[in-house]
Each structure stands twice: as C-alpha cells, then as structure tokens.
C-alpha cells in the first residue's frame, strides 16, 4: 500500500469525522480524556466560504449556479463511457475567470448526491484557490512535490460538504519542473483511482503565460478552457490550444458576456447580476472523424479571476 493511498485513507476518515462531529458540549463539563479539533462552525444555509463569487454555494437558485449544474451534469452524466475524472481548468491569458470556474464547478459537482470533489491549486506562482474558501495558503502542492510535506497533512476540508482542497502552497521558482515530476504523475494516478466517486479539478496557470498547463494537460483526462468575452482574441485562443491534445478538450467557457434577460430566465431565476452565454466544445465527428464544434455549456459571469 503506497504512502499516498494511506494519506488519502486517513484524509477520508478525517472527512467523516468532520462531517459527523460530536454533539455540542456548550454549557457542559468537558469529558475527561477527550479533545476535539476547533473548526469554524459551518452553517447549513451558508457554508464557510470567503469569496462571494461562489454562486454555486451562496446563490444556488441563481441562473449562474444553474449553468454550473449543467456543466456538472455534462461531466457526470455524459454519453461517453469514460467520464473525465481529472479535469484541468485553464485559460489563454491572465484574469479570464479560470479560478471562478474551477471553484464553482467543484462546488456544483458535490451537490450531486453521489459525487465528491477535490480541488488542486496548480498555480505555484500565485496560489489563490484556498482563499475562496477562507483557508490559508500556508502549505500545499508545492511542499508535497518538493518533499517538504506529507499528503495527509496537506489535504484540507472546506466548509462545503464533500469538497476538499489541496492548496498551491509556497511560491516556488521551479513550478514547471515540479509539475513535470514523477511524483506529480503518481499523485494524479492515485487521486484518480482511490475513490470512484471523486472528481479532481486542477486550477492551472494560463497557457500562454506559463509552461505548467502544457505539462499538466498530458496527465489529466480532460481540459476546460475559459475565455474572457470581448477581451481575448480568437487567434490568441487558437495559439494557446495549439500544443494541446484536442481530444482532451472538453469545451470552452465564454466568461463575462452580458446576458439580455428573457422573460423565461427572469421568471425562474430572477435578476442576480450574473451573466449568461454559450460555450462550445471541440470534439470528433461520429462518422468521418472530422473535427466539429458542439454546444455544451451555457454560462458565464461578469468579471475575471
């Protein structure tokens, strides 16, 4: 049994302990010999999150949250026999909304009755993902890959049920080499196979600005590309995906295009300041093997991130 396997098993037990904590002992005398970890109290109506852009959690009835559920359904209930269990979310350039999509997609996945999710912050240049959930960026992936930390001490519970995170950790001057290491490959393999109901979302750095996503793309099952509407030129996107395996591209999310509210959408979801558009996926034709575009997800929001 590998060290990673043992670490995941320990983390799973910890998850069960946190999901089913002991009864409140307020006003009672502490039982002798017992101790409990102090954690922020997690509200059932508003989970322990820091960033208000987590619409999948904080605005579950919104139009924006509904679009993340559609993307989740595409991943979990797709027509293909092999569903992508490891997904990299990236963009061509900075500030296109990849972390917004990563966090909300993961939060949407765990709302499925049978699915768990683990987010991995692969941005070891400027890690941000943990802060969305009110967690520190003290240690994480960079420490693990550099041999400075054990996985069971690095996996963190968020305030969202069934959702865990592996932070980016300390900023490193050799992130590409760490992502390309054998240890990273082994980590992904074990994370993927340990739990059949777990989906792993890798929040990566931009394609044109860094080398890491090109390396990581070879290790994951699928790739989602986030594009900032009205900002990122088509040619820039083409340049960004030129080095990727097109078979792995699940689709593109067009982010930040204002949605002209229709009576139907307002009736069902109200007006919440978020915006909606269509993304298109790139795949093989069924008969002749030629490339074709197909609509897969309709959603976006205003702003980057």
Protein backbone atom coordinates (compact mmCIF):
# COMPACT_ATOMS: atom_id res chain seq x y z
CA UNK A 1 0.00 0.00 0.00
CA UNK A 2 1.54 3.32 -1.10
CA UNK A 3 2.08 6.35 1.13
CA UNK A 4 -0.37 8.35 -0.99
CA UNK A 5 -3.02 5.65 -0.58
CA UNK A 6 -2.58 5.72 3.20
CA UNK A 7 -2.72 9.52 3.23
CA UNK A 8 -5.95 9.54 1.26
CA UNK A 9 -7.44 6.90 3.53
CA UNK A 10 -6.53 8.98 6.58
CA UNK A 11 -7.97 12.11 4.97
CA UNK A 12 -11.19 10.24 4.19
CA UNK A 13 -11.54 9.19 7.82
CA UNK A 14 -10.91 12.78 8.87
CA UNK A 15 -13.59 13.89 6.45
CA UNK A 16 -16.10 11.51 8.00
CA UNK A 17 -15.17 12.77 11.47
CA UNK A 18 -15.70 16.39 10.46
CA UNK A 19 -18.91 15.67 8.53
CA UNK A 20 -20.34 13.96 11.66
CA UNK A 21 -18.93 15.95 14.61
CA UNK A 22 -19.73 15.15 18.24
CA UNK A 23 -22.76 16.83 19.85
CA UNK A 24 -22.30 20.34 21.17
CA UNK A 25 -20.94 20.42 24.70
CA UNK A 26 -21.71 24.08 25.36
CA UNK A 27 -22.52 24.55 29.00
CA UNK A 28 -21.39 21.05 29.85
CA UNK A 29 -18.27 19.98 31.63
CA UNK A 30 -15.62 18.71 29.19
CA UNK A 31 -15.30 14.97 29.34
CA UNK A 32 -12.06 13.79 30.77
CA UNK A 33 -9.60 12.43 28.23
CA UNK A 34 -11.49 13.75 25.17
CA UNK A 35 -10.40 16.52 22.86
CA UNK A 36 -11.85 17.87 19.63
CA UNK A 37 -10.33 19.96 16.87
CA UNK A 38 -11.67 23.50 16.86
CA UNK A 39 -13.05 24.39 13.43
CA UNK A 40 -15.22 27.24 12.17
CA UNK A 41 -18.87 26.39 12.60
CA UNK A 42 -20.33 25.55 9.20
CA UNK A 43 -23.81 26.86 8.59
CA UNK A 44 -26.23 24.66 6.69
CA UNK A 45 -27.62 27.72 4.94
CA UNK A 46 -24.35 29.49 4.14
CA UNK A 47 -21.20 27.34 4.09
CA UNK A 48 -17.86 28.63 5.30
CA UNK A 49 -16.70 30.42 2.17
CA UNK A 50 -14.78 33.63 1.68
CA UNK A 51 -15.42 34.75 -1.90
CA UNK A 52 -18.93 35.94 -2.73
CA UNK A 53 -18.45 34.77 -6.33
CA UNK A 54 -19.08 31.17 -5.22
CA UNK A 55 -22.56 31.31 -6.72
CA UNK A 56 -22.91 27.51 -6.74
CA UNK A 57 -22.99 27.67 -2.94
CA UNK A 58 -24.21 31.12 -1.98
CA UNK A 59 -26.79 31.58 -4.75
CA UNK A 60 -27.90 28.03 -5.60
CA UNK A 61 -31.16 29.25 -7.13
CA UNK A 62 -29.49 31.73 -9.48
CA UNK A 63 -29.15 31.43 -13.23
CA UNK A 64 -25.36 31.34 -12.89
CA UNK A 65 -25.48 28.41 -10.45
CA UNK A 66 -27.84 26.56 -12.78
CA UNK A 67 -25.29 26.77 -15.59
CA UNK A 68 -22.62 25.21 -13.39
CA UNK A 69 -25.06 22.40 -12.67
CA UNK A 70 -25.40 21.91 -16.42
CA UNK A 71 -21.65 21.67 -16.78
CA UNK A 72 -21.54 19.25 -13.85
CA UNK A 73 -24.21 17.12 -15.49
CA UNK A 74 -22.24 17.08 -18.71
CA UNK A 75 -19.22 15.75 -16.84
CA UNK A 76 -21.04 13.26 -14.60
CA UNK A 77 -23.78 12.09 -16.94
CA UNK A 78 -22.17 12.40 -20.36
CA UNK A 79 -22.76 9.96 -23.18
CA UNK A 80 -19.18 8.74 -23.23
CA UNK A 81 -18.42 5.51 -21.42
CA UNK A 82 -15.33 7.04 -19.84
CA UNK A 83 -16.13 10.17 -17.88
CA UNK A 84 -13.27 12.60 -17.21
CA UNK A 85 -12.34 12.15 -13.54
CA UNK A 86 -9.38 14.56 -13.64
CA UNK A 87 -10.05 17.93 -15.28
CA UNK A 88 -7.67 20.86 -15.79
CA UNK A 89 -9.23 24.33 -15.95
CA UNK A 90 -7.06 26.92 -17.66
CA UNK A 91 -7.18 29.96 -19.94
CA UNK A 92 -5.09 31.58 -22.63
CA UNK A 93 -4.10 34.61 -20.55
CA UNK A 94 -4.49 36.04 -17.04
CA UNK A 95 -7.76 37.24 -15.44
CA UNK A 96 -10.17 35.34 -17.68
CA UNK A 97 -12.04 33.62 -14.83
CA UNK A 98 -10.44 30.18 -14.59
CA UNK A 99 -10.42 30.11 -10.78
CA UNK A 100 -14.04 31.27 -10.71
CA UNK A 101 -14.96 28.37 -12.99
CA UNK A 102 -12.79 25.86 -11.08
CA UNK A 103 -14.29 26.70 -7.69
CA UNK A 104 -17.90 26.82 -8.84
CA UNK A 105 -17.61 23.67 -10.93
CA UNK A 106 -16.20 21.75 -7.96
CA UNK A 107 -18.90 23.17 -5.68
CA UNK A 108 -21.51 22.16 -8.25
CA UNK A 109 -20.16 18.62 -8.52
CA UNK A 110 -20.55 17.90 -4.80
CA UNK A 111 -24.21 18.87 -4.96
CA UNK A 112 -24.72 15.64 -6.87
CA UNK A 113 -25.89 13.01 -4.40
CA UNK A 114 -23.15 10.53 -5.24
CA UNK A 115 -20.14 12.69 -6.11
CA UNK A 116 -17.21 14.11 -4.14
CA UNK A 117 -14.67 16.61 -5.41
CA UNK A 118 -11.09 17.57 -4.70
CA UNK A 119 -9.66 20.86 -5.95
CA UNK A 120 -5.93 21.09 -6.58
CA UNK A 121 -4.37 24.54 -6.92
CA UNK A 122 -1.62 24.06 -9.50
CA UNK A 123 -0.70 27.74 -9.57
CA UNK A 124 2.51 27.66 -7.58
CA UNK A 125 3.37 31.14 -8.84
CA UNK A 126 0.37 32.90 -7.29
CA UNK A 127 -1.89 30.44 -5.43
CA UNK A 128 -5.36 31.82 -4.68
CA UNK A 129 -7.89 28.98 -4.62
CA UNK A 130 -7.84 28.29 -0.86
CA UNK A 131 -8.71 31.88 -0.05
CA UNK A 132 -12.04 31.48 -1.81
CA UNK A 133 -12.98 29.10 0.99
CA UNK A 134 -11.44 31.09 3.84
CA UNK A 135 -8.43 28.77 4.12
CA UNK A 136 -4.76 29.69 4.41
CA UNK A 137 -2.17 29.12 1.71
CA UNK A 138 0.49 28.01 4.18
CA UNK A 139 1.36 24.59 2.74
CA UNK A 140 0.13 22.52 -0.18
CA UNK A 141 1.07 21.04 -3.53
CA UNK A 142 4.46 22.73 -3.83
CA UNK A 143 5.57 21.33 -0.47
CA UNK A 144 4.37 17.85 -1.35
CA UNK A 145 6.13 17.78 -4.73
CA UNK A 146 9.31 19.20 -3.20
CA UNK A 147 9.28 16.53 -0.50
CA UNK A 148 8.60 19.05 2.27
CA UNK A 149 5.22 17.78 3.40
CA UNK A 150 3.06 14.69 3.76
CA UNK A 151 -0.19 14.50 1.84
CA UNK A 152 -2.33 13.62 4.86
CA UNK A 153 -1.27 16.91 6.46
CA UNK A 154 -1.89 18.96 3.32
CA UNK A 155 -5.39 17.93 2.23
CA UNK A 156 -7.93 20.35 3.72
CA UNK A 157 -11.65 20.22 4.30
CA UNK A 158 -13.63 23.20 3.06
CA UNK A 159 -16.85 24.33 4.68
CA UNK A 160 -18.70 22.70 1.78
CA UNK A 161 -19.74 19.09 2.36
CA UNK A 162 -17.82 16.52 0.26
CA UNK A 163 -15.43 19.18 -1.09
CA UNK A 164 -11.71 19.11 -0.20
CA UNK A 165 -8.74 21.10 -1.43
CA UNK A 166 -5.00 20.76 -1.90
CA UNK A 167 -3.64 24.30 -1.76
CA UNK A 168 -0.90 25.58 -4.03
CA UNK A 169 1.45 26.12 -1.11
CA UNK A 170 4.50 28.34 -1.06
CA UNK A 171 5.54 30.14 -4.24
CA UNK A 172 8.34 28.22 -6.00
CA UNK A 173 10.91 29.22 -8.60
CA UNK A 174 10.67 25.84 -10.39
CA UNK A 175 6.93 25.12 -10.77
CA UNK A 176 7.28 23.56 -14.23
CA UNK A 177 9.82 21.04 -13.01
CA UNK A 178 7.60 20.14 -10.05
CA UNK A 179 4.53 19.61 -12.25
CA UNK A 180 6.61 17.51 -14.65
CA UNK A 181 7.99 15.32 -11.87
CA UNK A 182 7.23 11.64 -11.47
CA UNK A 183 5.78 12.44 -8.06
CA UNK A 184 3.07 14.58 -9.69
CA UNK A 185 2.18 11.80 -12.12
CA UNK A 186 1.94 9.28 -9.28
CA UNK A 187 -0.17 11.68 -7.21
CA UNK A 188 -2.71 12.15 -10.01
CA UNK A 189 -2.95 8.41 -10.68
CA UNK A 190 -3.65 7.66 -7.03
CA UNK A 191 -6.10 10.53 -6.56
CA UNK A 192 -7.98 9.31 -9.61
CA UNK A 193 -8.19 5.64 -8.68
CA UNK A 194 -8.54 5.79 -4.89
CA UNK A 195 -12.19 6.91 -4.85
CA UNK A 196 -14.54 6.08 -7.71
CA UNK A 197 -16.97 8.85 -6.75
CA UNK A 198 -14.36 11.62 -6.59
CA UNK A 199 -13.68 14.18 -9.31
CA UNK A 200 -10.45 16.17 -9.24
CA UNK A 201 -10.38 19.72 -10.58
CA UNK A 202 -6.93 21.20 -11.28
CA UNK A 203 -6.86 25.00 -11.34
CA UNK A 204 -3.88 25.71 -13.58
CA UNK A 205 -1.91 28.74 -14.71
CA UNK A 206 -2.60 30.41 -18.12
CA UNK A 207 -1.41 28.61 -21.25
CA UNK A 208 0.42 31.45 -22.95
CA UNK A 209 1.98 32.90 -19.82
CA UNK A 210 3.41 29.69 -18.32
CA UNK A 211 4.59 26.19 -19.24
CA UNK A 212 2.88 24.21 -16.47
CA UNK A 213 -0.54 23.70 -18.13
CA UNK A 214 1.05 22.16 -21.21
CA UNK A 215 2.77 19.61 -18.95
CA UNK A 216 -0.29 19.04 -16.76
CA UNK A 217 -2.51 18.55 -19.81
CA UNK A 218 -0.70 15.30 -20.57
CA UNK A 219 -1.61 13.91 -17.13
CA UNK A 220 -5.34 14.69 -16.91
CA UNK A 221 -8.41 13.20 -18.58
CA UNK A 222 -9.95 16.44 -19.79
CA UNK A 223 -9.38 20.17 -20.24
CA UNK A 224 -11.71 23.17 -19.93
CA UNK A 225 -10.61 26.47 -21.48
CA UNK A 226 -12.02 29.70 -20.02
CA UNK A 227 -12.23 32.67 -22.40
CA UNK A 228 -12.96 36.28 -21.36
CA UNK A 229 -15.66 37.62 -23.69
CA UNK A 230 -14.71 40.74 -25.60
CA UNK A 231 -11.14 40.60 -24.33
CA UNK A 232 -9.35 37.52 -25.62
CA UNK A 233 -8.98 37.45 -29.45
CA UNK A 234 -9.83 34.25 -31.32
CA UNK A 235 -6.26 33.99 -32.62
CA UNK A 236 -4.93 34.13 -29.06
CA UNK A 237 -7.12 31.19 -28.10
CA UNK A 238 -6.00 29.23 -31.17
CA UNK A 239 -2.38 29.90 -30.28
CA UNK A 240 -2.99 28.82 -26.68
CA UNK A 241 -4.52 25.45 -27.55
CA UNK A 242 -2.16 24.64 -30.43
CA UNK A 243 0.06 22.45 -28.25
CA UNK A 244 -2.81 20.61 -26.54
CA UNK A 245 -4.32 17.25 -27.40
CA UNK A 246 -7.64 18.33 -28.95
CA UNK A 247 -9.23 15.03 -27.93
CA UNK A 248 -8.86 16.09 -24.30
CA UNK A 249 -10.56 19.47 -24.68
CA UNK A 250 -13.97 19.04 -23.06
CA UNK A 251 -15.03 22.52 -24.06
CA UNK A 252 -14.70 26.27 -23.82
CA UNK A 253 -16.42 28.55 -21.30
CA UNK A 254 -17.08 32.07 -22.56
CA UNK A 255 -16.99 34.25 -19.48
CA UNK A 256 -18.23 37.79 -18.93
CA UNK A 257 -20.68 38.31 -21.81
CA UNK A 258 -23.73 40.24 -20.68
CA UNK A 259 -26.93 38.25 -20.86
CA UNK A 260 -30.01 40.11 -22.08
CA UNK A 261 -32.54 38.74 -19.65
CA UNK A 262 -35.53 36.97 -21.19
CA UNK A 263 -38.90 36.66 -19.51
CA UNK A 264 -38.34 32.94 -19.02
CA UNK A 265 -34.99 33.29 -17.26
CA UNK A 266 -36.21 36.15 -15.07
CA UNK A 267 -39.29 34.17 -14.15
CA UNK A 268 -37.33 31.14 -12.97
CA UNK A 269 -34.11 32.64 -11.66
CA UNK A 270 -34.71 36.34 -11.02
CA UNK A 271 -32.15 39.04 -11.72
CA UNK A 272 -28.93 38.50 -9.75
CA UNK A 273 -26.26 40.48 -11.57
CA UNK A 274 -24.59 37.50 -13.20
CA UNK A 275 -24.41 36.92 -16.88
CA UNK A 276 -25.00 34.07 -19.25
CA UNK A 277 -23.70 32.95 -22.60
CA UNK A 278 -22.87 29.81 -24.55
CA UNK A 279 -19.64 27.87 -24.62
CA UNK A 280 -18.67 25.43 -27.33
CA UNK A 281 -16.79 22.17 -27.08
CA UNK A 282 -14.40 20.71 -29.59
CA UNK A 283 -14.78 17.04 -30.46
CA UNK A 284 -14.57 14.37 -33.14
CA UNK A 285 -17.41 13.72 -35.57
CA UNK A 286 -19.16 10.40 -35.04
CA UNK A 287 -18.84 9.12 -38.60
CA UNK A 288 -15.97 10.62 -40.56
CA UNK A 289 -13.65 11.57 -37.70
CA UNK A 290 -13.59 15.23 -38.76
CA UNK A 291 -13.46 17.92 -36.13
CA UNK A 292 -16.73 19.60 -35.22
CA UNK A 293 -17.96 22.21 -32.78
CA UNK A 294 -20.76 21.31 -30.40
CA UNK A 295 -22.58 23.38 -27.81
CA UNK A 296 -22.02 22.12 -24.29
CA UNK A 297 -22.33 24.72 -21.57
CA UNK A 298 -24.32 27.94 -21.33
CA UNK A 299 -22.94 30.13 -18.57
CA UNK A 300 -20.66 32.96 -17.66
CA UNK A 301 -20.38 35.79 -15.20
CA UNK A 302 -19.22 39.37 -15.24
CA UNK A 303 -15.56 39.87 -14.41
CA UNK A 304 -12.38 37.82 -14.37
CA UNK A 305 -10.45 35.98 -11.70
